[in-house]
Protein backbone atom coordinates (compact mmCIF):
# COMPACT_ATOMS: atom_id res chain seq x y z
CA MET A 1 -10.33 -9.32 -37.68
CA SER A 2 -6.80 -8.62 -35.74
CA ASN A 3 -5.94 -10.72 -32.61
CA LYS A 4 -3.67 -8.45 -31.60
CA VAL A 5 -4.55 -6.41 -28.26
CA LYS A 6 -5.26 -2.90 -28.79
CA TYR A 7 -4.44 -0.49 -26.16
CA VAL A 8 -5.09 3.22 -25.01
CA THR A 9 -3.12 5.11 -22.56
CA ASP A 10 -3.38 8.65 -21.39
CA ILE A 11 0.08 8.58 -19.65
CA ASP A 12 2.97 9.43 -21.93
CA LYS A 13 5.92 7.42 -20.45
CA SER A 14 8.50 5.47 -22.17
CA VAL A 15 8.22 2.46 -19.72
CA LEU A 16 4.58 1.78 -20.94
CA LEU A 17 4.76 2.73 -24.62
CA ASN A 18 8.19 0.48 -24.90
CA ASN A 19 6.50 -2.34 -23.26
CA PHE A 20 3.28 -2.06 -25.70
CA GLU A 21 5.43 -1.52 -28.60
CA ARG A 22 7.66 -4.58 -27.91
CA ARG A 23 4.37 -6.92 -27.49
CA GLY A 24 3.35 -5.68 -31.11
CA TRP A 25 -0.02 -4.10 -29.61
CA ILE A 26 -2.07 -1.66 -31.58
CA ALA A 27 -2.50 1.80 -30.31
CA VAL A 28 -5.96 3.24 -30.67
CA GLY A 29 -8.14 5.99 -29.43
CA PRO A 30 -10.44 6.10 -26.44
CA ASP A 31 -13.49 6.07 -28.56
CA ASP A 32 -12.24 3.00 -30.59
CA ASP A 33 -12.49 -0.65 -29.52
CA TRP A 34 -9.77 -1.39 -27.32
CA ASN A 35 -9.00 -4.19 -24.84
CA PHE A 36 -6.31 -2.56 -22.50
CA TYR A 37 -6.25 1.19 -21.01
CA TRP A 38 -3.61 2.35 -18.91
CA ALA A 39 -5.63 5.52 -17.57
CA GLY A 40 -4.81 8.16 -15.33
CA VAL A 41 -7.04 8.23 -12.14
CA LEU A 42 -9.14 11.27 -13.57
CA THR A 43 -9.89 9.13 -16.65
CA ALA A 44 -10.76 6.04 -14.79
CA LYS A 45 -12.96 8.19 -12.45
CA ASN A 46 -15.04 9.60 -15.31
CA MET A 47 -15.20 6.07 -17.11
CA PHE A 48 -16.93 4.47 -13.96
CA SER A 49 -19.17 7.64 -13.25
CA VAL A 50 -22.82 7.04 -13.20
CA GLU A 51 -23.27 10.08 -15.56
CA THR A 52 -21.08 8.49 -18.09
CA GLY A 53 -22.75 5.20 -18.22
CA TYR A 54 -19.78 3.48 -19.61
CA ARG A 55 -20.00 -0.47 -19.77
CA LEU A 56 -16.84 -2.52 -20.43
CA ASN A 57 -17.05 -5.67 -22.34
CA ASP A 58 -15.67 -8.89 -21.49
CA ASP A 59 -12.34 -8.23 -23.67
CA GLN A 60 -11.46 -5.11 -21.88
CA VAL A 61 -9.27 -4.43 -18.88
CA VAL A 62 -8.68 -0.90 -17.00
CA CYS A 63 -5.62 -0.03 -14.43
CA HIS A 64 -8.09 1.12 -11.67
CA PHE A 65 -10.85 -0.25 -9.90
CA PRO A 66 -13.58 2.15 -9.62
CA ASN A 67 -13.39 3.54 -6.12
CA HIS A 68 -9.59 2.79 -5.34
CA TYR A 69 -9.84 6.03 -3.50
CA GLU A 70 -11.12 4.05 -0.33
CA LEU A 71 -7.27 2.79 -0.15
CA THR A 72 -5.31 5.50 -1.82
CA ARG A 73 -6.92 8.48 -0.35
CA LYS A 74 -5.00 9.66 2.99
CA ASP A 75 -8.42 10.05 5.02
CA LEU A 76 -10.21 7.38 3.76
CA VAL A 77 -7.47 4.71 4.26
CA VAL A 78 -7.26 5.57 7.94
CA LYS A 79 -11.04 5.55 8.21
CA ASN A 80 -11.19 2.19 6.53
CA ILE A 81 -8.46 0.74 8.82
CA LYS A 82 -10.02 1.75 11.82
CA ARG A 83 -13.28 0.52 10.97
CA TYR A 84 -11.52 -3.14 10.01
CA ARG A 85 -9.87 -2.84 13.72
CA LYS A 86 -13.13 -2.09 15.44
CA ASP A 87 -14.88 -4.92 13.56
CA LEU A 88 -12.36 -7.59 14.42
CA GLU A 89 -12.62 -6.29 17.99
CA LYS A 90 -16.33 -6.77 17.99
CA GLU A 91 -15.82 -10.38 16.67
CA GLY A 92 -13.48 -11.27 19.25
CA ASN A 93 -10.66 -11.94 16.61
CA PRO A 94 -7.30 -12.36 18.43
CA LEU A 95 -5.91 -10.09 15.73
CA ALA A 96 -7.34 -7.26 17.60
CA GLU A 97 -5.99 -7.98 20.92
CA ARG A 98 -4.65 -4.90 22.73
CA ASP A 99 -1.82 -4.58 25.30
CA GLU A 100 -1.82 -3.26 28.89
CA SER A 101 -1.45 0.44 27.45
CA GLY A 102 -4.57 0.02 25.02
CA ARG A 103 -2.52 -0.42 21.74
CA PHE A 104 -2.95 -2.96 19.34
CA ILE A 105 -0.61 -5.76 19.34
CA TYR A 106 -0.91 -6.98 15.90
CA LEU A 107 -2.78 -4.09 14.10
CA ASP A 108 -0.81 -1.10 15.40
CA PHE A 109 0.81 -0.12 12.02
CA ILE A 110 -0.66 3.26 11.08
CA PRO A 111 0.53 6.51 13.15
CA THR A 112 -2.03 8.09 15.43
CA THR A 113 -3.95 10.24 12.78
CA TYR A 114 -6.94 12.59 12.73
CA ILE A 115 -8.78 14.03 9.68
CA LEU A 116 -9.07 17.77 9.61
CA PRO A 117 -11.01 19.67 9.96
CA ALA A 118 -13.66 16.66 11.16
CA ASP A 119 -11.20 15.66 14.20
CA TYR A 120 -9.87 19.14 15.12
CA ASN A 121 -10.95 19.38 18.80
CA LEU A 122 -9.99 15.44 19.13
CA PHE A 123 -6.52 16.07 17.84
CA THR A 124 -6.09 19.06 20.11
CA GLU A 125 -6.92 17.12 23.17
CA GLU A 126 -4.19 14.78 22.04
CA PHE A 127 -1.90 17.29 21.45
CA ARG A 128 -2.20 19.05 24.95
CA ARG A 129 -1.59 15.37 26.42
CA ASN A 130 1.75 15.30 24.48
CA PRO A 131 2.56 18.97 24.02
CA ASN A 132 6.10 18.32 22.90
CA SER A 133 5.28 15.95 20.06
CA THR A 134 5.65 16.73 16.48
CA TRP A 135 2.99 15.92 13.76
CA ILE A 136 2.89 15.72 9.68
CA LEU A 137 0.21 17.45 8.19
CA LYS A 138 -0.72 16.33 4.55
CA PRO A 139 -3.27 17.38 2.17
CA THR A 140 -5.68 14.25 1.36
CA GLY A 141 -5.78 14.96 -2.42
CA LYS A 142 -2.26 15.67 -3.18
CA ALA A 143 0.78 13.39 -3.97
CA ARG A 144 4.85 14.09 -4.50
CA GLY A 145 5.04 15.74 -1.22
CA ILE A 146 3.10 18.98 -2.09
CA GLY A 147 1.50 20.85 0.86
CA ILE A 148 3.31 18.94 3.53
CA TYR A 149 4.10 20.30 6.80
CA LEU A 150 5.54 19.70 10.12
CA VAL A 151 3.60 20.83 13.23
CA ASN A 152 4.86 21.06 16.75
CA LYS A 153 2.50 24.11 17.99
CA LEU A 154 -1.04 24.63 17.79
CA SER A 155 -0.53 27.94 16.87
CA GLN A 156 0.86 26.52 13.51
CA LEU A 157 -2.77 25.03 12.81
CA LYS A 158 -4.41 28.28 13.63
CA LYS A 159 -2.24 30.15 11.32
CA TRP A 160 -3.04 27.24 8.52
CA SER A 161 -6.58 27.77 9.15
CA ARG A 162 -6.44 31.49 8.69
CA ASP A 163 -4.31 31.18 5.49
CA ASN A 164 -7.54 29.14 4.13
CA LYS A 165 -9.69 32.18 4.78
CA THR A 166 -11.46 30.71 7.77
CA ASN A 167 -11.20 31.44 11.82
CA THR A 168 -12.52 27.91 12.64
CA PHE A 169 -12.73 24.63 10.83
CA GLN A 170 -15.55 24.33 8.92
CA GLN A 171 -17.26 21.85 6.53
CA VAL A 172 -14.70 22.06 3.66
CA ALA A 173 -14.70 19.87 0.16
CA ALA A 174 -12.47 16.58 0.11
CA LYS A 175 -9.98 18.36 -1.99
CA ASP A 176 -9.44 20.79 1.04
CA MET A 177 -9.29 18.22 3.69
CA TYR A 178 -5.83 17.37 5.71
CA VAL A 179 -4.36 14.38 7.46
CA ILE A 180 -2.29 15.04 10.60
CA SER A 181 -0.46 12.29 11.93
CA ARG A 182 2.30 11.73 14.62
CA TYR A 183 5.56 12.17 13.39
CA ILE A 184 7.85 9.13 13.52
CA GLU A 185 10.65 10.97 14.98
CA ASN A 186 12.97 8.03 15.59
CA PRO A 187 13.46 6.65 11.90
CA LEU A 188 15.92 3.92 11.15
CA LEU A 189 18.76 5.88 9.79
CA ILE A 190 21.36 4.25 7.13
CA GLY A 191 24.24 6.78 7.01
CA GLY A 192 22.60 9.10 8.89
CA LYS A 193 19.95 9.74 6.41
CA LYS A 194 16.24 8.93 6.83
CA PHE A 195 14.50 6.48 4.02
CA ASP A 196 11.24 5.15 3.32
CA LEU A 197 10.40 1.98 1.19
CA ARG A 198 8.33 2.11 -1.99
CA LEU A 199 7.01 -1.38 -2.64
CA TYR A 200 4.51 -2.31 -5.44
CA VAL A 201 1.58 -4.57 -4.84
CA LEU A 202 -0.56 -5.67 -7.78
CA VAL A 203 -4.27 -6.58 -6.84
CA ASN A 204 -6.38 -8.07 -9.56
CA SER A 205 -9.33 -8.98 -7.31
CA PHE A 206 -10.62 -7.87 -4.08
CA ARG A 207 -13.42 -10.70 -3.74
CA PRO A 208 -11.82 -12.75 -3.26
CA LEU A 209 -8.77 -11.07 -2.49
CA LYS A 210 -5.59 -11.88 -4.71
CA ALA A 211 -2.48 -9.69 -4.24
CA TYR A 212 1.01 -9.94 -5.55
CA LEU A 213 4.12 -8.02 -4.13
CA TYR A 214 6.82 -7.14 -6.37
CA ARG A 215 10.50 -8.13 -5.41
CA LEU A 216 12.32 -5.16 -7.05
CA GLY A 217 10.99 -2.37 -4.66
CA PHE A 218 13.48 0.16 -3.42
CA CYS A 219 14.19 2.75 -0.73
CA ARG A 220 14.34 6.40 -0.92
CA PHE A 221 16.53 8.27 0.97
CA CYS A 222 16.82 11.96 2.01
CA THR A 223 20.06 13.92 0.73
CA ILE A 224 20.91 15.46 3.98
CA LYS A 225 21.48 13.79 7.31
CA TYR A 226 18.49 13.48 9.83
CA ASP A 227 18.28 16.24 12.48
CA ALA A 228 15.35 16.05 14.94
CA ASN A 229 16.51 19.71 15.94
CA LEU A 230 13.09 21.94 16.14
CA GLU A 231 15.08 24.29 13.83
CA GLU A 232 15.40 21.74 11.25
CA LEU A 233 11.47 21.07 11.06
CA ASP A 234 10.84 23.37 7.90
CA ASN A 235 13.99 21.49 6.00
CA MET A 236 12.33 19.01 3.73
CA PHE A 237 15.39 17.82 2.41
CA VAL A 238 15.83 16.40 6.01
CA HIS A 239 12.09 14.83 6.63
CA LEU A 240 10.68 13.94 3.12
CA THR A 241 11.75 11.24 0.74
CA ASN A 242 9.73 11.94 -1.97
CA VAL A 243 12.10 12.02 -4.98
CA SER A 244 10.26 15.22 -6.59
CA ILE A 245 11.54 16.94 -3.58
CA GLN A 246 14.78 15.65 -3.07
CA LYS A 247 16.17 15.80 -6.84
CA THR A 248 15.66 19.67 -6.39
CA GLY A 249 18.47 19.88 -3.44
CA GLU A 250 22.07 20.57 -3.93
CA GLU A 251 23.28 17.25 -2.51
CA TYR A 252 20.97 15.00 -5.09
CA ASN A 253 23.05 12.42 -6.93
CA PRO A 254 21.74 11.93 -10.12
CA HIS A 255 23.87 8.58 -10.63
CA HIS A 256 22.03 6.57 -8.17
CA GLY A 257 19.20 9.05 -7.32
CA GLY A 258 19.17 8.40 -3.68
CA LYS A 259 18.14 4.97 -3.96
CA TRP A 260 18.56 1.35 -2.76
CA THR A 261 17.07 -2.04 -3.69
CA VAL A 262 14.99 -3.90 -1.17
CA SER A 263 17.32 -6.67 -1.63
CA ASN A 264 20.23 -4.10 -0.60
CA LEU A 265 18.62 -3.07 2.53
CA ARG A 266 17.84 -6.52 3.58
CA LEU A 267 21.31 -7.69 3.30
CA TYR A 268 22.42 -4.60 5.16
CA LEU A 269 19.89 -5.51 8.37
CA GLU A 270 20.91 -9.10 8.13
CA SER A 271 24.62 -8.10 8.68
CA THR A 272 23.59 -5.59 11.24
CA ARG A 273 20.66 -6.61 12.95
CA GLY A 274 20.62 -10.53 12.15
CA LYS A 275 18.68 -12.60 9.84
CA SER A 276 15.74 -13.60 12.30
CA ILE A 277 14.96 -9.82 13.23
CA THR A 278 15.11 -8.99 9.44
CA ASP A 279 12.83 -11.81 8.74
CA LYS A 280 10.63 -10.72 11.07
CA LEU A 281 10.44 -7.08 10.01
CA PHE A 282 9.53 -8.08 6.29
CA ASP A 283 7.02 -10.73 7.44
CA ASP A 284 5.23 -7.58 9.41
CA ILE A 285 5.55 -5.51 6.35
CA ASN A 286 3.65 -8.43 4.50
CA TRP A 287 1.11 -8.21 7.18
CA ILE A 288 0.57 -4.54 7.09
CA ILE A 289 -0.10 -4.56 3.30
CA VAL A 290 -2.51 -7.68 3.73
CA HIS A 291 -4.34 -6.11 6.27
CA SER A 292 -4.84 -2.71 4.50
CA LEU A 293 -6.30 -4.58 1.36
CA LYS A 294 -8.72 -6.52 3.65
CA ALA A 295 -9.64 -3.48 5.56
CA VAL A 296 -11.02 -1.88 2.22
CA ALA A 297 -11.98 -5.25 0.51
CA PRO A 298 -15.53 -4.91 1.65
CA VAL A 299 -15.90 -1.52 0.38
CA ILE A 300 -13.90 -1.54 -3.08
CA ALA A 301 -16.24 -2.34 -6.09
CA SER A 302 -14.22 -5.39 -7.36
CA ASP A 303 -15.00 -5.24 -11.16
CA ARG A 304 -13.73 -8.04 -12.74
CA HIS A 305 -12.35 -5.73 -15.70
CA CYS A 306 -10.05 -3.91 -13.15
CA TYR A 307 -6.75 -4.44 -11.78
CA GLU A 308 -4.45 -2.04 -9.69
CA CYS A 309 -0.70 -1.62 -9.23
CA TYR A 310 -0.30 0.14 -6.03
CA GLY A 311 2.79 2.11 -4.43
CA TYR A 312 2.89 1.48 -0.73
CA ASP A 313 5.00 3.58 1.18
CA ILE A 314 6.48 2.37 4.22
CA ILE A 315 8.83 3.64 7.12
CA ILE A 316 10.78 1.77 9.49
CA ASP A 317 11.68 3.21 12.95
CA ALA A 318 14.90 2.58 15.01
CA ASN A 319 13.22 -0.39 16.66
CA LEU A 320 12.80 -2.01 13.52
CA LYS A 321 8.90 -1.21 13.75
CA ALA A 322 7.37 -0.81 10.06
CA TRP A 323 4.49 2.02 9.58
CA LEU A 324 2.17 2.15 6.79
CA ILE A 325 2.46 6.11 5.51
CA GLU A 326 0.21 5.98 2.65
CA VAL A 327 -0.71 3.94 -0.68
CA ASN A 328 -0.25 5.54 -4.35
CA ALA A 329 -2.75 4.72 -7.09
CA SER A 330 -0.58 5.79 -9.72
CA PRO A 331 3.00 5.33 -8.44
CA SER A 332 5.46 7.31 -10.55
CA LEU A 333 6.51 6.08 -13.70
CA THR A 334 9.20 8.69 -14.18
CA SER A 335 12.74 7.32 -14.58
CA THR A 336 15.47 9.14 -12.61
CA THR A 337 18.38 6.75 -13.39
CA SER A 338 19.34 4.14 -15.87
CA SER A 339 18.75 1.26 -13.13
CA ASP A 340 15.40 3.23 -12.34
CA ARG A 341 14.11 3.13 -15.84
CA ILE A 342 14.88 -0.69 -16.20
CA MET A 343 13.24 -1.61 -12.82
CA LYS A 344 10.06 0.04 -13.91
CA TYR A 345 10.00 -1.30 -17.35
CA ARG A 346 10.03 -4.74 -15.98
CA LEU A 347 7.52 -3.69 -13.23
CA ILE A 348 5.11 -2.59 -16.27
CA SER A 349 6.02 -6.05 -18.37
CA ASP A 350 5.48 -8.39 -15.51
CA THR A 351 2.01 -6.57 -14.18
CA ILE A 352 0.73 -6.95 -17.96
CA ASN A 353 1.90 -10.65 -18.12
CA ILE A 354 -0.36 -11.28 -15.10
CA VAL A 355 -3.60 -9.23 -16.20
CA VAL A 356 -3.31 -10.02 -20.15
CA PRO A 357 -1.52 -13.73 -19.94
CA ASN A 358 0.14 -14.98 -22.72
CA ASN A 359 -0.38 -11.51 -24.54
CA GLU A 360 -3.81 -12.47 -25.92
CA ILE A 361 -7.04 -10.61 -25.95
CA PRO A 362 -8.13 -10.35 -22.53
CA ASP A 363 -11.21 -12.55 -21.34
CA VAL A 364 -12.53 -11.16 -17.76
CA LYS A 365 -14.40 -14.66 -17.68
CA THR A 366 -11.20 -16.91 -17.14
CA ASN A 367 -9.73 -17.60 -13.48
CA LYS A 368 -7.18 -14.72 -12.56
CA ASN A 369 -4.41 -17.29 -11.28
CA PRO A 370 -1.23 -16.49 -13.12
CA THR A 371 1.08 -19.30 -13.57
CA LEU A 372 4.67 -19.35 -11.82
CA GLU A 373 6.07 -18.19 -15.07
CA GLN A 374 3.90 -15.56 -15.58
CA LEU A 375 4.45 -14.26 -12.09
CA GLY A 376 7.95 -12.82 -13.21
CA ASN A 377 9.43 -10.84 -10.41
CA TYR A 378 5.97 -10.74 -8.23
CA ASP A 379 5.44 -13.03 -5.45
CA VAL A 380 2.12 -14.21 -4.30
CA LEU A 381 1.43 -12.28 -1.23
CA TYR A 382 -2.12 -13.12 -0.51
CA ASP A 383 -4.75 -15.45 -2.38
CA GLU A 384 -8.04 -15.42 -0.42
CA GLU A 385 -9.39 -18.67 -1.97
CA LEU A 386 -5.96 -20.53 -1.26
CA ALA A 387 -6.03 -19.40 2.47
CA ASN A 388 -9.75 -20.31 2.96
CA GLN A 389 -8.92 -23.77 1.42
CA GLU A 390 -6.07 -24.00 3.81
CA LEU A 391 -8.05 -23.14 6.76
CA GLN A 392 -10.78 -25.74 5.84
CA ASP A 393 -8.16 -28.53 5.32
CA ASN A 394 -6.78 -27.80 8.64
CA ALA A 395 -10.19 -27.70 10.22
CA ASN A 396 -10.91 -31.05 8.71
CA ALA A 397 -7.39 -32.54 9.80
CA ILE A 398 -8.09 -31.31 13.25
CA ALA A 399 -11.82 -32.86 13.23
CA ASN A 400 -10.32 -36.34 12.07
CA LYS A 401 -7.58 -36.24 14.67
CA HIS A 402 -10.39 -35.75 17.08
CA LYS A 403 -12.25 -38.54 16.01
CA GLN A 404 -9.18 -40.93 16.27
CA MET A 405 -8.42 -39.48 20.05
CA MET A 406 -11.93 -39.94 21.47
CA SER A 407 -11.74 -43.52 20.24
CA SER A 408 -8.44 -43.93 22.13
CA SER A 409 -8.27 -44.86 25.77
CA ALA A 410 -6.83 -41.22 26.43
CA GLY A 411 -9.32 -39.54 24.63
CA VAL A 412 -10.52 -36.69 26.63
CA ARG A 413 -7.07 -35.48 27.97
CA THR A 414 -5.41 -35.72 24.20
CA VAL A 415 -8.21 -33.89 22.76
CA LYS A 416 -7.78 -30.90 25.30
CA ALA A 417 -4.09 -31.22 24.51
CA ALA A 418 -4.66 -30.94 20.88
CA GLU A 419 -7.04 -27.76 20.93
CA ARG A 420 -4.59 -25.80 23.18
CA SER A 421 -1.87 -26.74 20.53
CA ARG A 422 -4.08 -25.73 17.63
CA VAL A 423 -2.47 -23.06 15.07
CA THR A 424 -3.92 -20.81 12.55
CA ALA A 425 -2.88 -21.66 8.75
CA PRO A 426 -0.82 -19.16 7.17
CA MET A 427 -2.22 -16.10 5.40
CA TRP A 428 -0.54 -16.06 2.18
CA LYS A 429 1.55 -18.51 -0.34
């Protein structure tokens, strides 16, 4: 019996296949006995469907959670984050605190968003309160910038509705649903151009939550300088950073692909805005990712055979406030430049080292805590077990301090001072 890992994939990308070949893994078919399946989202959906009745063995792992769409579908992630905020508010959690205008102080990281057609009336009310605002309309089930429009008049939505052969918004299939979000009209510009961040986050368990952030993310730049003029609303080369769109433009540079590494962005911001402000921005981004994962953790089927590498899209505005735009279940593995190919090869390699440690046949019964060496270019973003243990240790330390203080002559006054200065344990690392 061979002790080599047997793999299946329905994604024909060199960064994947070269990784498998370098490890000496054996390619097999989906109906054979396999250990590792790098599957497309439709394949995973069929695999976990009730009709299929497919059961995975302890030596099999697959690259999607059964209902990952709770995080990666544009409408569902918004619903889950809104529910998460509401639940924290009901609990009286300080994270759900609001400012004088009613905005969340710590959880305001998604632009105001409505789901169409269900929220059409709510959206029109909001639009009429701010008639000079611009909104971005996206289909919930598409990617790569397909079907996206900028909207600054309600008449544009009526036309869009007629184009879909209906005069009013009626019940439609999920694939025909849209989200409409307030457009970030003041994006941070570098060289006069708009950009966003693509960050990779690996999750190998949702309960308890274990997430890892990849250091080698990158910025995607538009090829044409940003212009908020209404005449440029239809120019996607100005507004959309998707590489699939930008590479079709005349200004696209195939040598650098319109990309910057996150480390270069950090250096740029440290030199122009200062280190402390830059550190806060990236700390905020970490929190955005953690909160989005915690928002879906209760509803995700945390199958121990599953892991997932998500592509997070983040936009930074001119005030250095970060916004979550969307989360991708199958971030592109297509390489546009040689450095892009090297980075994505490393991404796959480091991901495999965590989910299939030591290049051995996987065993889902073993613990999912990688060693420092196995992390590669990943950093531990959040480990719920460690966070809970740290909170418990802090609580025990405070309780012991209370006992000591109560036995001192200044007991009551000192205890009250300690309670006022009490701080919460860090959420990750």
